Amino acid sequence: MLRFVIGMVIFTLLIALITFIGSQQTWWSLPTYWIEILVFIQFMTAVIYYHLNKLRKSRPESFTQFYLLSIVVKMVAGLTLISIIVWSDPTSAIGNVTFFIFNYLILTFLEVFYLLNKPAR
């Protein structure tokens, strides 16, 4: 669990740093809700990873079903967040949605990497 948290914090800080530096160098504009999106996806990924990791140890036979359920929950929660953001700031919708999708994919790949590369104990 600690390795996952460290990896997630490092990736999140790198994403935040790259996003901020890119906007300062005028490579792209800073999404209006970039901090909220980053914190939301990081929190959601950490909670899901914690519960899936705990489930994998206690009931490994039902891991796959709950993993698929976690994907649906994560997508619905993400869709809800991005819908609220697009509704509240339609002029910056493309930047916010692009930033959301990029972060969603990066942190989901990180979650899958740590779930697959750690044997259940």
PDB file of N, CA and C in Angstrom:
ATOM      1  N   MET A   1       0.829  -1.198   0.000  1.00  0.00           N
ATOM      2  CA  MET A   1       0.000   0.000   0.000  1.00  0.00           C
ATOM      3  C   MET A   1       0.865   1.250   0.000  1.00  0.00           C
ATOM      4  N   LEU A   2       1.935   1.218   0.772  1.00  0.00           N
ATOM      5  CA  LEU A   2       2.812   2.384   0.863  1.00  0.00           C
ATOM      6  C   LEU A   2       3.479   2.679  -0.478  1.00  0.00           C
ATOM      7  N   ARG A   3       3.872   1.612  -1.192  1.00  0.00           N
ATOM      8  CA  ARG A   3       4.492   1.822  -2.512  1.00  0.00           C
ATOM      9  C   ARG A   3       3.506   2.493  -3.467  1.00  0.00           C
ATOM     10  N   PHE A   4       2.251   2.085  -3.400  1.00  0.00           N
ATOM     11  CA  PHE A   4       1.235   2.682  -4.264  1.00  0.00           C
ATOM     12  C   PHE A   4       1.039   4.158  -3.923  1.00  0.00           C
ATOM     13  N   VAL A   5       0.940   4.470  -2.646  1.00  0.00           N
ATOM     14  CA  VAL A   5       0.736   5.863  -2.221  1.00  0.00           C
ATOM     15  C   VAL A   5       1.912   6.731  -2.662  1.00  0.00           C
ATOM     16  N   ILE A   6       3.121   6.232  -2.470  1.00  0.00           N
ATOM     17  CA  ILE A   6       4.309   6.985  -2.895  1.00  0.00           C
ATOM     18  C   ILE A   6       4.308   7.180  -4.398  1.00  0.00           C
ATOM     19  N   GLY A   7       4.005   6.121  -5.146  1.00  0.00           N
ATOM     20  CA  GLY A   7       3.953   6.235  -6.602  1.00  0.00           C
ATOM     21  C   GLY A   7       2.882   7.195  -7.069  1.00  0.00           C
ATOM     22  N   MET A   8       1.725   7.150  -6.424  1.00  0.00           N
ATOM     23  CA  MET A   8       0.629   8.026  -6.811  1.00  0.00           C
ATOM     24  C   MET A   8       0.956   9.488  -6.493  1.00  0.00           C
ATOM     25  N   VAL A   9       1.558   9.736  -5.345  1.00  0.00           N
ATOM     26  CA  VAL A   9       1.928  11.107  -4.981  1.00  0.00           C
ATOM     27  C   VAL A   9       2.978  11.637  -5.957  1.00  0.00           C
ATOM     28  N   ILE A  10       3.956  10.802  -6.315  1.00  0.00           N
ATOM     29  CA  ILE A  10       4.983  11.232  -7.263  1.00  0.00           C
ATOM     30  C   ILE A  10       4.363  11.550  -8.623  1.00  0.00           C
ATOM     31  N   PHE A  11       3.497  10.667  -9.121  1.00  0.00           N
ATOM     32  CA  PHE A  11       2.845  10.923 -10.406  1.00  0.00           C
ATOM     33  C   PHE A  11       1.967  12.168 -10.356  1.00  0.00           C
ATOM     34  N   THR A  12       1.255  12.357  -9.260  1.00  0.00           N
ATOM     35  CA  THR A  12       0.388  13.524  -9.135  1.00  0.00           C
ATOM     36  C   THR A  12       1.207  14.809  -9.102  1.00  0.00           C
ATOM     37  N   LEU A  13       2.296  14.796  -8.364  1.00  0.00           N
ATOM     38  CA  LEU A  13       3.158  15.982  -8.327  1.00  0.00           C
ATOM     39  C   LEU A  13       3.786  16.259  -9.686  1.00  0.00           C
ATOM     40  N   LEU A  14       4.180  15.208 -10.399  1.00  0.00           N
ATOM     41  CA  LEU A  14       4.728  15.401 -11.750  1.00  0.00           C
ATOM     42  C   LEU A  14       3.678  15.978 -12.698  1.00  0.00           C
ATOM     43  N   ILE A  15       2.467  15.465 -12.618  1.00  0.00           N
ATOM     44  CA  ILE A  15       1.393  15.985 -13.466  1.00  0.00           C
ATOM     45  C   ILE A  15       1.126  17.450 -13.141  1.00  0.00           C
ATOM     46  N   ALA A  16       1.065  17.777 -11.846  1.00  0.00           N
ATOM     47  CA  ALA A  16       0.825  19.166 -11.441  1.00  0.00           C
ATOM     48  C   ALA A  16       1.967  20.069 -11.907  1.00  0.00           C
ATOM     49  N   LEU A  17       3.197  19.606 -11.750  1.00  0.00           N
ATOM     50  CA  LEU A  17       4.353  20.400 -12.158  1.00  0.00           C
ATOM     51  C   LEU A  17       4.379  20.617 -13.667  1.00  0.00           C
ATOM     52  N   ILE A  18       4.141  19.554 -14.425  1.00  0.00           N
ATOM     53  CA  ILE A  18       4.125  19.673 -15.881  1.00  0.00           C
ATOM     54  C   ILE A  18       2.991  20.584 -16.334  1.00  0.00           C
ATOM     55  N   THR A  19       1.836  20.459 -15.718  1.00  0.00           N
ATOM     56  CA  THR A  19       0.699  21.307 -16.074  1.00  0.00           C
ATOM     57  C   THR A  19       1.000  22.766 -15.800  1.00  0.00           C
ATOM     58  N   PHE A  20       1.563  23.040 -14.631  1.00  0.00           N
ATOM     59  CA  PHE A  20       1.854  24.430 -14.266  1.00  0.00           C
ATOM     60  C   PHE A  20       2.973  25.014 -15.130  1.00  0.00           C
ATOM     61  N   ILE A  21       4.040  24.256 -15.330  1.00  0.00           N
ATOM     62  CA  ILE A  21       5.160  24.760 -16.151  1.00  0.00           C
ATOM     63  C   ILE A  21       4.706  24.971 -17.590  1.00  0.00           C
ATOM     64  N   GLY A  22       3.903  24.024 -18.120  1.00  0.00           N
ATOM     65  CA  GLY A  22       3.398  24.178 -19.489  1.00  0.00           C
ATOM     66  C   GLY A  22       2.544  25.419 -19.658  1.00  0.00           C
ATOM     67  N   SER A  23       1.774  25.745 -18.626  1.00  0.00           N
ATOM     68  CA  SER A  23       0.949  26.951 -18.724  1.00  0.00           C
ATOM     69  C   SER A  23       1.794  28.211 -18.569  1.00  0.00           C
ATOM     70  N   GLN A  24       2.837  28.151 -17.768  1.00  0.00           N
ATOM     71  CA  GLN A  24       3.715  29.311 -17.606  1.00  0.00           C
ATOM     72  C   GLN A  24       4.534  29.579 -18.874  1.00  0.00           C
ATOM     73  N   GLN A  25       4.880  28.514 -19.594  1.00  0.00           N
ATOM     74  CA  GLN A  25       5.635  28.667 -20.843  1.00  0.00           C
ATOM     75  C   GLN A  25       4.711  28.928 -22.039  1.00  0.00           C
ATOM     76  N   THR A  26       3.429  29.069 -21.771  1.00  0.00           N
ATOM     77  CA  THR A  26       2.370  29.293 -22.759  1.00  0.00           C
ATOM     78  C   THR A  26       2.291  28.183 -23.813  1.00  0.00           C
ATOM     79  N   TRP A  27       2.601  26.943 -23.419  1.00  0.00           N
ATOM     80  CA  TRP A  27       2.399  25.807 -24.312  1.00  0.00           C
ATOM     81  C   TRP A  27       0.922  25.470 -24.367  1.00  0.00           C
ATOM     82  N   TRP A  28       0.206  25.704 -23.266  1.00  0.00           N
ATOM     83  CA  TRP A  28      -1.229  25.501 -23.184  1.00  0.00           C
ATOM     84  C   TRP A  28      -1.767  26.370 -22.062  1.00  0.00           C
ATOM     85  N   SER A  29      -3.067  26.533 -22.032  1.00  0.00           N
ATOM     86  CA  SER A  29      -3.648  27.321 -20.948  1.00  0.00           C
ATOM     87  C   SER A  29      -3.975  26.392 -19.778  1.00  0.00           C
ATOM     88  N   LEU A  30      -3.882  26.929 -18.600  1.00  0.00           N
ATOM     89  CA  LEU A  30      -4.135  26.158 -17.385  1.00  0.00           C
ATOM     90  C   LEU A  30      -5.633  25.897 -17.259  1.00  0.00           C
ATOM     91  N   PRO A  31      -6.041  24.626 -17.137  1.00  0.00           N
ATOM     92  CA  PRO A  31      -7.477  24.359 -16.953  1.00  0.00           C
ATOM     93  C   PRO A  31      -7.987  25.052 -15.685  1.00  0.00           C
ATOM     94  N   THR A  32      -9.210  25.534 -15.730  1.00  0.00           N
ATOM     95  CA  THR A  32      -9.727  26.319 -14.608  1.00  0.00           C
ATOM     96  C   THR A  32      -9.903  25.496 -13.339  1.00  0.00           C
ATOM     97  N   TYR A  33     -10.195  24.219 -13.472  1.00  0.00           N
ATOM     98  CA  TYR A  33     -10.416  23.356 -12.306  1.00  0.00           C
ATOM     99  C   TYR A  33      -9.333  22.280 -12.186  1.00  0.00           C
ATOM    100  N   TRP A  34      -8.110  22.600 -12.514  1.00  0.00           N
ATOM    101  CA  TRP A  34      -7.077  21.579 -12.559  1.00  0.00           C
ATOM    102  C   TRP A  34      -6.754  21.000 -11.186  1.00  0.00           C
ATOM    103  N   ILE A  35      -6.767  21.793 -10.152  1.00  0.00           N
ATOM    104  CA  ILE A  35      -6.474  21.278  -8.812  1.00  0.00           C
ATOM    105  C   ILE A  35      -7.619  20.382  -8.330  1.00  0.00           C
ATOM    106  N   GLU A  36      -8.855  20.803  -8.544  1.00  0.00           N
ATOM    107  CA  GLU A  36     -10.000  20.002  -8.131  1.00  0.00           C
ATOM    108  C   GLU A  36     -10.040  18.661  -8.848  1.00  0.00           C
ATOM    109  N   ILE A  37      -9.749  18.677 -10.142  1.00  0.00           N
ATOM    110  CA  ILE A  37      -9.732  17.439 -10.915  1.00  0.00           C
ATOM    111  C   ILE A  37      -8.634  16.515 -10.403  1.00  0.00           C
ATOM    112  N   LEU A  38      -7.458  17.060 -10.183  1.00  0.00           N
ATOM    113  CA  LEU A  38      -6.323  16.255  -9.716  1.00  0.00           C
ATOM    114  C   LEU A  38      -6.592  15.645  -8.346  1.00  0.00           C
ATOM    115  N   VAL A  39      -7.100  16.430  -7.428  1.00  0.00           N
ATOM    116  CA  VAL A  39      -7.386  15.925  -6.081  1.00  0.00           C
ATOM    117  C   VAL A  39      -8.508  14.886  -6.121  1.00  0.00           C
ATOM    118  N   PHE A  40      -9.555  15.145  -6.898  1.00  0.00           N
ATOM    119  CA  PHE A  40     -10.675  14.212  -6.991  1.00  0.00           C
ATOM    120  C   PHE A  40     -10.228  12.862  -7.523  1.00  0.00           C
ATOM    121  N   ILE A  41      -9.487  12.860  -8.625  1.00  0.00           N
ATOM    122  CA  ILE A  41      -9.063  11.595  -9.223  1.00  0.00           C
ATOM    123  C   ILE A  41      -8.064  10.875  -8.309  1.00  0.00           C
ATOM    124  N   GLN A  42      -7.177  11.625  -7.681  1.00  0.00           N
ATOM    125  CA  GLN A  42      -6.216  10.997  -6.776  1.00  0.00           C
ATOM    126  C   GLN A  42      -6.941  10.364  -5.586  1.00  0.00           C
ATOM    127  N   PHE A  43      -7.866  11.082  -4.987  1.00  0.00           N
ATOM    128  CA  PHE A  43      -8.610  10.548  -3.842  1.00  0.00           C
ATOM    129  C   PHE A  43      -9.426   9.321  -4.244  1.00  0.00           C
ATOM    130  N   MET A  44     -10.119   9.418  -5.367  1.00  0.00           N
ATOM    131  CA  MET A  44     -10.948   8.316  -5.830  1.00  0.00           C
ATOM    132  C   MET A  44     -10.099   7.074  -6.128  1.00  0.00           C
ATOM    133  N   THR A  45      -8.963   7.250  -6.767  1.00  0.00           N
ATOM    134  CA  THR A  45      -8.078   6.130  -7.080  1.00  0.00           C
ATOM    135  C   THR A  45      -7.524   5.503  -5.812  1.00  0.00           C
ATOM    136  N   ALA A  46      -7.143   6.315  -4.848  1.00  0.00           N
ATOM    137  CA  ALA A  46      -6.593   5.786  -3.596  1.00  0.00           C
ATOM    138  C   ALA A  46      -7.627   4.987  -2.820  1.00  0.00           C
ATOM    139  N   VAL A  47      -8.843   5.479  -2.742  1.00  0.00           N
ATOM    140  CA  VAL A  47      -9.898   4.774  -2.008  1.00  0.00           C
ATOM    141  C   VAL A  47     -10.223   3.439  -2.685  1.00  0.00           C
ATOM    142  N   ILE A  48     -10.342   3.461  -3.992  1.00  0.00           N
ATOM    143  CA  ILE A  48     -10.653   2.225  -4.715  1.00  0.00           C
ATOM    144  C   ILE A  48      -9.508   1.224  -4.583  1.00  0.00           C
ATOM    145  N   TYR A  49      -8.273   1.693  -4.702  1.00  0.00           N
ATOM    146  CA  TYR A  49      -7.132   0.789  -4.559  1.00  0.00           C
ATOM    147  C   TYR A  49      -7.101   0.177  -3.162  1.00  0.00           C
ATOM    148  N   TYR A  50      -7.340   0.969  -2.149  1.00  0.00           N
ATOM    149  CA  TYR A  50      -7.326   0.471  -0.776  1.00  0.00           C
ATOM    150  C   TYR A  50      -8.363  -0.638  -0.588  1.00  0.00           C
ATOM    151  N   HIS A  51      -9.575  -0.395  -1.048  1.00  0.00           N
ATOM    152  CA  HIS A  51     -10.635  -1.393  -0.884  1.00  0.00           C
ATOM    153  C   HIS A  51     -10.392  -2.636  -1.735  1.00  0.00           C
ATOM    154  N   LEU A  52      -9.904  -2.461  -2.956  1.00  0.00           N
ATOM    155  CA  LEU A  52      -9.622  -3.619  -3.795  1.00  0.00           C
ATOM    156  C   LEU A  52      -8.464  -4.445  -3.242  1.00  0.00           C
ATOM    157  N   ASN A  53      -7.466  -3.780  -2.730  1.00  0.00           N
ATOM    158  CA  ASN A  53      -6.320  -4.494  -2.156  1.00  0.00           C
ATOM    159  C   ASN A  53      -6.744  -5.284  -0.917  1.00  0.00           C
ATOM    160  N   LYS A  54      -7.580  -4.681  -0.083  1.00  0.00           N
ATOM    161  CA  LYS A  54      -8.086  -5.361   1.102  1.00  0.00           C
ATOM    162  C   LYS A  54      -8.972  -6.550   0.699  1.00  0.00           C
ATOM    163  N   LEU A  55      -9.805  -6.359  -0.306  1.00  0.00           N
ATOM    164  CA  LEU A  55     -10.678  -7.424  -0.785  1.00  0.00           C
ATOM    165  C   LEU A  55      -9.866  -8.560  -1.390  1.00  0.00           C
ATOM    166  N   ARG A  56      -8.815  -8.230  -2.082  1.00  0.00           N
ATOM    167  CA  ARG A  56      -7.969  -9.242  -2.711  1.00  0.00           C
ATOM    168  C   ARG A  56      -7.338 -10.171  -1.688  1.00  0.00           C
ATOM    169  N   LYS A  57      -7.043  -9.629  -0.519  1.00  0.00           N
ATOM    170  CA  LYS A  57      -6.461 -10.449   0.539  1.00  0.00           C
ATOM    171  C   LYS A  57      -7.511 -11.298   1.243  1.00  0.00           C
ATOM    172  N   SER A  58      -8.697 -10.733   1.470  1.00  0.00           N
ATOM    173  CA  SER A  58      -9.709 -11.447   2.248  1.00  0.00           C
ATOM    174  C   SER A  58     -10.570 -12.381   1.391  1.00  0.00           C
ATOM    175  N   ARG A  59     -10.976 -11.935   0.201  1.00  0.00           N
ATOM    176  CA  ARG A  59     -11.829 -12.748  -0.671  1.00  0.00           C
ATOM    177  C   ARG A  59     -11.336 -12.670  -2.116  1.00  0.00           C
ATOM    178  N   PRO A  60     -10.255 -13.364  -2.437  1.00  0.00           N
ATOM    179  CA  PRO A  60      -9.699 -13.253  -3.792  1.00  0.00           C
ATOM    180  C   PRO A  60     -10.625 -13.761  -4.895  1.00  0.00           C
ATOM    181  N   GLU A  61     -11.581 -14.627  -4.553  1.00  0.00           N
ATOM    182  CA  GLU A  61     -12.476 -15.162  -5.578  1.00  0.00           C
ATOM    183  C   GLU A  61     -13.450 -14.110  -6.104  1.00  0.00           C
ATOM    184  N   SER A  62     -13.712 -13.075  -5.351  1.00  0.00           N
ATOM    185  CA  SER A  62     -14.646 -12.043  -5.804  1.00  0.00           C
ATOM    186  C   SER A  62     -13.935 -10.758  -6.226  1.00  0.00           C
ATOM    187  N   PHE A  63     -12.625 -10.814  -6.364  1.00  0.00           N
ATOM    188  CA  PHE A  63     -11.851  -9.621  -6.729  1.00  0.00           C
ATOM    189  C   PHE A  63     -12.260  -9.076  -8.093  1.00  0.00           C
ATOM    190  N   THR A  64     -12.384  -9.948  -9.080  1.00  0.00           N
ATOM    191  CA  THR A  64     -12.679  -9.502 -10.447  1.00  0.00           C
ATOM    192  C   THR A  64     -14.029  -8.795 -10.519  1.00  0.00           C
ATOM    193  N   GLN A  65     -15.034  -9.326  -9.859  1.00  0.00           N
ATOM    194  CA  GLN A  65     -16.355  -8.694  -9.878  1.00  0.00           C
ATOM    195  C   GLN A  65     -16.309  -7.307  -9.246  1.00  0.00           C
ATOM    196  N   PHE A  66     -15.612  -7.187  -8.129  1.00  0.00           N
ATOM    197  CA  PHE A  66     -15.539  -5.890  -7.467  1.00  0.00           C
ATOM    198  C   PHE A  66     -14.641  -4.915  -8.220  1.00  0.00           C
ATOM    199  N   TYR A  67     -13.638  -5.443  -8.931  1.00  0.00           N
ATOM    200  CA  TYR A  67     -12.811  -4.554  -9.747  1.00  0.00           C
ATOM    201  C   TYR A  67     -13.641  -3.955 -10.877  1.00  0.00           C
ATOM    202  N   LEU A  68     -14.450  -4.781 -11.518  1.00  0.00           N
ATOM    203  CA  LEU A  68     -15.327  -4.272 -12.579  1.00  0.00           C
ATOM    204  C   LEU A  68     -16.340  -3.271 -12.023  1.00  0.00           C
ATOM    205  N   LEU A  69     -16.859  -3.550 -10.845  1.00  0.00           N
ATOM    206  CA  LEU A  69     -17.766  -2.602 -10.195  1.00  0.00           C
ATOM    207  C   LEU A  69     -17.048  -1.289  -9.889  1.00  0.00           C
ATOM    208  N   SER A  70     -15.792  -1.373  -9.458  1.00  0.00           N
ATOM    209  CA  SER A  70     -15.042  -0.142  -9.151  1.00  0.00           C
ATOM    210  C   SER A  70     -14.820   0.704 -10.399  1.00  0.00           C
ATOM    211  N   ILE A  71     -14.654   0.056 -11.553  1.00  0.00           N
ATOM    212  CA  ILE A  71     -14.494   0.804 -12.802  1.00  0.00           C
ATOM    213  C   ILE A  71     -15.774   1.586 -13.105  1.00  0.00           C
ATOM    214  N   VAL A  72     -16.909   0.945 -12.927  1.00  0.00           N
ATOM    215  CA  VAL A  72     -18.191   1.608 -13.185  1.00  0.00           C
ATOM    216  C   VAL A  72     -18.383   2.773 -12.216  1.00  0.00           C
ATOM    217  N   VAL A  73     -18.097   2.551 -10.932  1.00  0.00           N
ATOM    218  CA  VAL A  73     -18.244   3.614  -9.931  1.00  0.00           C
ATOM    219  C   VAL A  73     -17.321   4.781 -10.257  1.00  0.00           C
ATOM    220  N   LYS A  74     -16.088   4.474 -10.625  1.00  0.00           N
ATOM    221  CA  LYS A  74     -15.123   5.525 -10.965  1.00  0.00           C
ATOM    222  C   LYS A  74     -15.572   6.320 -12.193  1.00  0.00           C
ATOM    223  N   MET A  75     -16.118   5.625 -13.189  1.00  0.00           N
ATOM    224  CA  MET A  75     -16.585   6.319 -14.392  1.00  0.00           C
ATOM    225  C   MET A  75     -17.800   7.195 -14.108  1.00  0.00           C
ATOM    226  N   VAL A  76     -18.736   6.693 -13.321  1.00  0.00           N
ATOM    227  CA  VAL A  76     -19.934   7.481 -12.997  1.00  0.00           C
ATOM    228  C   VAL A  76     -19.557   8.704 -12.163  1.00  0.00           C
ATOM    229  N   ALA A  77     -18.684   8.518 -11.174  1.00  0.00           N
ATOM    230  CA  ALA A  77     -18.245   9.649 -10.354  1.00  0.00           C
ATOM    231  C   ALA A  77     -17.488  10.673 -11.203  1.00  0.00           C
ATOM    232  N   GLY A  78     -16.631  10.187 -12.093  1.00  0.00           N
ATOM    233  CA  GLY A  78     -15.895  11.090 -12.976  1.00  0.00           C
ATOM    234  C   GLY A  78     -16.806  11.829 -13.937  1.00  0.00           C
ATOM    235  N   LEU A  79     -17.789  11.124 -14.481  1.00  0.00           N
ATOM    236  CA  LEU A  79     -18.746  11.762 -15.379  1.00  0.00           C
ATOM    237  C   LEU A  79     -19.554  12.828 -14.656  1.00  0.00           C
ATOM    238  N   THR A  80     -19.908  12.543 -13.416  1.00  0.00           N
ATOM    239  CA  THR A  80     -20.643  13.532 -12.624  1.00  0.00           C
ATOM    240  C   THR A  80     -19.790  14.777 -12.401  1.00  0.00           C
ATOM    241  N   LEU A  81     -18.541  14.576 -12.003  1.00  0.00           N
ATOM    242  CA  LEU A  81     -17.648  15.721 -11.770  1.00  0.00           C
ATOM    243  C   LEU A  81     -17.447  16.537 -13.042  1.00  0.00           C
ATOM    244  N   ILE A  82     -17.132  15.859 -14.137  1.00  0.00           N
ATOM    245  CA  ILE A  82     -16.825  16.604 -15.354  1.00  0.00           C
ATOM    246  C   ILE A  82     -18.076  17.274 -15.914  1.00  0.00           C
ATOM    247  N   SER A  83     -19.257  16.690 -15.684  1.00  0.00           N
ATOM    248  CA  SER A  83     -20.503  17.341 -16.105  1.00  0.00           C
ATOM    249  C   SER A  83     -20.733  18.628 -15.330  1.00  0.00           C
ATOM    250  N   ILE A  84     -20.482  18.588 -14.032  1.00  0.00           N
ATOM    251  CA  ILE A  84     -20.632  19.799 -13.210  1.00  0.00           C
ATOM    252  C   ILE A  84     -19.640  20.863 -13.639  1.00  0.00           C
ATOM    253  N   ILE A  85     -18.409  20.447 -13.929  1.00  0.00           N
ATOM    254  CA  ILE A  85     -17.379  21.413 -14.342  1.00  0.00           C
ATOM    255  C   ILE A  85     -17.737  22.028 -15.692  1.00  0.00           C
ATOM    256  N   VAL A  86     -18.154  21.214 -16.643  1.00  0.00           N
ATOM    257  CA  VAL A  86     -18.510  21.741 -17.973  1.00  0.00           C
ATOM    258  C   VAL A  86     -19.727  22.647 -17.870  1.00  0.00           C
ATOM    259  N   TRP A  87     -20.686  22.290 -17.043  1.00  0.00           N
ATOM    260  CA  TRP A  87     -21.876  23.124 -16.881  1.00  0.00           C
ATOM    261  C   TRP A  87     -21.536  24.463 -16.237  1.00  0.00           C
ATOM    262  N   SER A  88     -20.603  24.456 -15.264  1.00  0.00           N
ATOM    263  CA  SER A  88     -20.273  25.702 -14.571  1.00  0.00           C
ATOM    264  C   SER A  88     -19.303  26.587 -15.345  1.00  0.00           C
ATOM    265  N   ASP A  89     -18.492  26.009 -16.239  1.00  0.00           N
ATOM    266  CA  ASP A  89     -17.528  26.799 -17.005  1.00  0.00           C
ATOM    267  C   ASP A  89     -17.433  26.267 -18.435  1.00  0.00           C
ATOM    268  N   PRO A  90     -18.433  26.549 -19.271  1.00  0.00           N
ATOM    269  CA  PRO A  90     -18.434  25.986 -20.625  1.00  0.00           C
ATOM    270  C   PRO A  90     -17.328  26.536 -21.532  1.00  0.00           C
ATOM    271  N   THR A  91     -16.787  27.711 -21.227  1.00  0.00           N
ATOM    272  CA  THR A  91     -15.743  28.268 -22.090  1.00  0.00           C
ATOM    273  C   THR A  91     -14.428  27.511 -21.971  1.00  0.00           C
ATOM    274  N   SER A  92     -14.173  26.878 -20.840  1.00  0.00           N
ATOM    275  CA  SER A  92     -12.934  26.118 -20.640  1.00  0.00           C
ATOM    276  C   SER A  92     -13.185  24.614 -20.641  1.00  0.00           C
ATOM    277  N   ALA A  93     -14.257  24.190 -21.263  1.00  0.00           N
ATOM    278  CA  ALA A  93     -14.651  22.779 -21.214  1.00  0.00           C
ATOM    279  C   ALA A  93     -13.604  21.860 -21.837  1.00  0.00           C
ATOM    280  N   ILE A  94     -13.055  22.234 -22.965  1.00  0.00           N
ATOM    281  CA  ILE A  94     -12.103  21.357 -23.656  1.00  0.00           C
ATOM    282  C   ILE A  94     -10.851  21.133 -22.816  1.00  0.00           C
ATOM    283  N   GLY A  95     -10.318  22.186 -22.237  1.00  0.00           N
ATOM    284  CA  GLY A  95      -9.127  22.049 -21.396  1.00  0.00           C
ATOM    285  C   GLY A  95      -9.381  21.208 -20.157  1.00  0.00           C
ATOM    286  N   ASN A  96     -10.510  21.441 -19.512  1.00  0.00           N
ATOM    287  CA  ASN A  96     -10.841  20.675 -18.312  1.00  0.00           C
ATOM    288  C   ASN A  96     -11.087  19.204 -18.620  1.00  0.00           C
ATOM    289  N   VAL A  97     -11.814  18.927 -19.688  1.00  0.00           N
ATOM    290  CA  VAL A  97     -12.103  17.539 -20.050  1.00  0.00           C
ATOM    291  C   VAL A  97     -10.829  16.816 -20.478  1.00  0.00           C
ATOM    292  N   THR A  98      -9.988  17.467 -21.242  1.00  0.00           N
ATOM    293  CA  THR A  98      -8.715  16.870 -21.656  1.00  0.00           C
ATOM    294  C   THR A  98      -7.844  16.568 -20.447  1.00  0.00           C
ATOM    295  N   PHE A  99      -7.758  17.502 -19.530  1.00  0.00           N
ATOM    296  CA  PHE A  99      -6.967  17.301 -18.316  1.00  0.00           C
ATOM    297  C   PHE A  99      -7.544  16.159 -17.484  1.00  0.00           C
ATOM    298  N   PHE A 100      -8.861  16.086 -17.386  1.00  0.00           N
ATOM    299  CA  PHE A 100      -9.507  15.014 -16.635  1.00  0.00           C
ATOM    300  C   PHE A 100      -9.192  13.653 -17.253  1.00  0.00           C
ATOM    301  N   ILE A 101      -9.375  13.531 -18.553  1.00  0.00           N
ATOM    302  CA  ILE A 101      -9.146  12.244 -19.218  1.00  0.00           C
ATOM    303  C   ILE A 101      -7.686  11.819 -19.080  1.00  0.00           C
ATOM    304  N   PHE A 102      -6.768  12.742 -19.270  1.00  0.00           N
ATOM    305  CA  PHE A 102      -5.343  12.433 -19.139  1.00  0.00           C
ATOM    306  C   PHE A 102      -5.025  11.920 -17.735  1.00  0.00           C
ATOM    307  N   ASN A 103      -5.496  12.622 -16.721  1.00  0.00           N
ATOM    308  CA  ASN A 103      -5.226  12.204 -15.345  1.00  0.00           C
ATOM    309  C   ASN A 103      -5.926  10.907 -14.992  1.00  0.00           C
ATOM    310  N   TYR A 104      -7.139  10.742 -15.453  1.00  0.00           N
ATOM    311  CA  TYR A 104      -7.885   9.506 -15.216  1.00  0.00           C
ATOM    312  C   TYR A 104      -7.112   8.314 -15.761  1.00  0.00           C
ATOM    313  N   LEU A 105      -6.629   8.435 -16.987  1.00  0.00           N
ATOM    314  CA  LEU A 105      -5.890   7.335 -17.602  1.00  0.00           C
ATOM    315  C   LEU A 105      -4.572   7.056 -16.883  1.00  0.00           C
ATOM    316  N   ILE A 106      -3.811   8.087 -16.573  1.00  0.00           N
ATOM    317  CA  ILE A 106      -2.513   7.900 -15.913  1.00  0.00           C
ATOM    318  C   ILE A 106      -2.689   7.224 -14.556  1.00  0.00           C
ATOM    319  N   LEU A 107      -3.590   7.728 -13.724  1.00  0.00           N
ATOM    320  CA  LEU A 107      -3.747   7.161 -12.391  1.00  0.00           C
ATOM    321  C   LEU A 107      -4.450   5.798 -12.422  1.00  0.00           C
ATOM    322  N   THR A 108      -5.278   5.533 -13.420  1.00  0.00           N
ATOM    323  CA  THR A 108      -5.863   4.197 -13.551  1.00  0.00           C
ATOM    324  C   THR A 108      -4.802   3.192 -13.978  1.00  0.00           C
ATOM    325  N   PHE A 109      -3.928   3.570 -14.897  1.00  0.00           N
ATOM    326  CA  PHE A 109      -2.821   2.679 -15.275  1.00  0.00           C
ATOM    327  C   PHE A 109      -1.918   2.399 -14.078  1.00  0.00           C
ATOM    328  N   LEU A 110      -1.675   3.408 -13.280  1.00  0.00           N
ATOM    329  CA  LEU A 110      -0.861   3.220 -12.077  1.00  0.00           C
ATOM    330  C   LEU A 110      -1.543   2.258 -11.111  1.00  0.00           C
ATOM    331  N   GLU A 111      -2.837   2.414 -10.922  1.00  0.00           N
ATOM    332  CA  GLU A 111      -3.601   1.527 -10.041  1.00  0.00           C
ATOM    333  C   GLU A 111      -3.539   0.084 -10.539  1.00  0.00           C
ATOM    334  N   VAL A 112      -3.756  -0.128 -11.829  1.00  0.00           N
ATOM    335  CA  VAL A 112      -3.716  -1.470 -12.402  1.00  0.00           C
ATOM    336  C   VAL A 112      -2.311  -2.059 -12.281  1.00  0.00           C
ATOM    337  N   PHE A 113      -1.293  -1.262 -12.522  1.00  0.00           N
ATOM    338  CA  PHE A 113       0.090  -1.728 -12.398  1.00  0.00           C
ATOM    339  C   PHE A 113       0.356  -2.257 -10.992  1.00  0.00           C
ATOM    340  N   TYR A 114      -0.027  -1.500  -9.981  1.00  0.00           N
ATOM    341  CA  TYR A 114       0.228  -1.936  -8.613  1.00  0.00           C
ATOM    342  C   TYR A 114      -0.670  -3.101  -8.202  1.00  0.00           C
ATOM    343  N   LEU A 115      -1.881  -3.169  -8.712  1.00  0.00           N
ATOM    344  CA  LEU A 115      -2.746  -4.297  -8.380  1.00  0.00           C
ATOM    345  C   LEU A 115      -2.258  -5.596  -9.015  1.00  0.00           C
ATOM    346  N   LEU A 116      -1.718  -5.510 -10.216  1.00  0.00           N
ATOM    347  CA  LEU A 116      -1.262  -6.721 -10.912  1.00  0.00           C
ATOM    348  C   LEU A 116       0.132  -7.167 -10.495  1.00  0.00           C
ATOM    349  N   ASN A 117       0.961  -6.268 -10.054  1.00  0.00           N
ATOM    350  CA  ASN A 117       2.340  -6.609  -9.719  1.00  0.00           C
ATOM    351  C   ASN A 117       2.577  -6.905  -8.248  1.00  0.00           C
ATOM    352  N   LYS A 118       1.519  -7.045  -7.488  1.00  0.00           N
ATOM    353  CA  LYS A 118       1.666  -7.344  -6.060  1.00  0.00           C
ATOM    354  C   LYS A 118       0.893  -8.610  -5.752  1.00  0.00           C
ATOM    355  N   PRO A 119       1.583  -9.646  -5.300  1.00  0.00           N
ATOM    356  CA  PRO A 119       0.837 -10.872  -4.965  1.00  0.00           C
ATOM    357  C   PRO A 119      -0.022 -10.673  -3.739  1.00  0.00           C
ATOM    358  N   ALA A 120      -1.175 -11.325  -3.724  1.00  0.00           N
ATOM    359  CA  ALA A 120      -2.070 -11.239  -2.558  1.00  0.00           C
ATOM    360  C   ALA A 120      -1.445 -11.985  -1.387  1.00  0.00           C
ATOM    361  N   ARG A 121      -1.485 -11.368  -0.212  1.00  0.00           N
ATOM    362  CA  ARG A 121      -0.901 -11.999   0.985  1.00  0.00           C
ATOM    363  C   ARG A 121      -1.967 -12.267   1.986  1.00  0.00           C
TER     364      ARG A 121
END
